[in-house]
Amino acid sequence: MLAHNGYSHVRQLGGKWVGLLRFNFTVGLVVGLDGGGYDRRYCFEFAEDAIQSLDAWDGHDHPGGPWIKCKGAGIDLLNPSLS
């Protein structure tokens, strides 16, 4: 079902399902995947950066790499390492 809806690199990290999803202008590293969607996403400019960040991440705290924003219900966070 997830692949049919465009998700890739899906795996379980830190007790949550995560994966990648292409948006119009970014690639999202999505966290908390379930049948209804996801909890939050980290927006990356390039797919390669999102893949590398997902591969290196343990699922806790924020992923590394050049994500631009973290978005979700009540979340709108700029990457502090980019400021």
Protein backbone atom coordinates (compact mmCIF):
# COMPACT_ATOMS: atom_id res chain seq x y z
CA MET A 1 0.00 0.00 0.00
CA LEU A 2 2.78 2.48 0.89
CA ALA A 3 4.69 1.89 -2.35
CA HIS A 4 1.44 2.31 -4.30
CA ASN A 5 1.04 5.74 -2.68
CA GLY A 6 4.55 6.89 -3.59
CA TYR A 7 6.49 6.04 -0.42
CA SER A 8 9.96 4.53 -0.75
CA HIS A 9 12.79 3.40 1.57
CA VAL A 10 10.18 2.41 4.18
CA ARG A 11 11.51 0.89 7.40
CA GLN A 12 10.94 0.93 11.14
CA LEU A 13 13.16 3.20 13.27
CA GLY A 14 12.77 4.10 16.91
CA GLY A 15 9.45 2.24 17.07
CA LYS A 16 7.91 4.22 14.18
CA TRP A 17 7.55 3.58 10.47
CA VAL A 18 9.54 6.04 8.36
CA GLY A 19 10.17 6.50 4.64
CA LEU A 20 10.57 8.97 1.82
CA LEU A 21 7.86 10.70 -0.19
CA ARG A 22 8.29 13.04 -3.17
CA PHE A 23 6.49 16.39 -2.93
CA ASN A 24 6.26 19.10 -5.61
CA PHE A 25 9.48 20.89 -4.63
CA THR A 26 11.06 18.69 -1.94
CA VAL A 27 11.56 15.12 -0.79
CA GLY A 28 10.09 14.41 2.62
CA LEU A 29 11.58 12.07 5.17
CA VAL A 30 8.27 11.13 6.76
CA VAL A 31 7.93 9.82 10.31
CA GLY A 32 5.08 7.94 11.96
CA LEU A 33 3.61 6.35 8.82
CA ASP A 34 0.32 4.54 9.13
CA GLY A 35 -2.80 3.96 7.05
CA GLY A 36 -3.91 7.57 7.55
CA GLY A 37 -0.67 9.34 6.61
CA TYR A 38 2.25 10.43 8.81
CA ASP A 39 3.00 12.47 11.95
CA ARG A 40 5.71 14.78 10.61
CA ARG A 41 8.12 15.23 7.73
CA TYR A 42 11.59 16.64 7.21
CA CYS A 43 11.82 18.46 3.87
CA PHE A 44 14.97 18.01 1.78
CA GLU A 45 15.83 19.76 -1.47
CA PHE A 46 17.51 16.68 -2.97
CA ALA A 47 16.50 13.00 -2.82
CA GLU A 48 20.13 11.92 -2.34
CA ASP A 49 20.39 13.99 0.87
CA ALA A 50 17.13 12.53 2.19
CA ILE A 51 18.31 8.98 1.48
CA GLN A 52 21.68 9.56 3.18
CA SER A 53 20.00 11.13 6.22
CA LEU A 54 17.51 8.28 6.52
CA ASP A 55 20.27 5.67 6.18
CA ALA A 56 22.33 7.33 8.96
CA TRP A 57 19.44 8.11 11.33
CA ASP A 58 18.55 5.99 14.37
CA GLY A 59 14.99 7.37 14.59
CA HIS A 60 15.60 9.48 17.70
CA ASP A 61 15.78 13.27 17.88
CA HIS A 62 16.06 14.94 14.47
CA PRO A 63 17.85 13.33 11.53
CA GLY A 64 21.14 14.78 10.40
CA GLY A 65 21.74 16.34 7.04
CA PRO A 66 20.53 19.44 5.25
CA TRP A 67 16.79 19.21 5.87
CA ILE A 68 15.14 22.56 5.44
CA LYS A 69 12.02 22.34 7.59
CA CYS A 70 10.21 19.91 9.84
CA LYS A 71 6.42 20.08 9.38
CA GLY A 72 3.50 18.35 11.00
CA ALA A 73 0.49 19.01 13.21
CA GLY A 74 1.62 21.97 15.32
CA ILE A 75 5.21 21.70 14.02
CA ASP A 76 6.93 24.23 11.76
CA LEU A 77 10.64 24.10 12.56
CA LEU A 78 13.56 25.41 10.50
CA ASN A 79 16.72 23.29 10.66
CA PRO A 80 18.79 25.01 13.38
CA SER A 81 22.05 23.93 11.74
CA LEU A 82 21.21 25.97 8.61
CA SER A 83 20.88 29.31 10.41
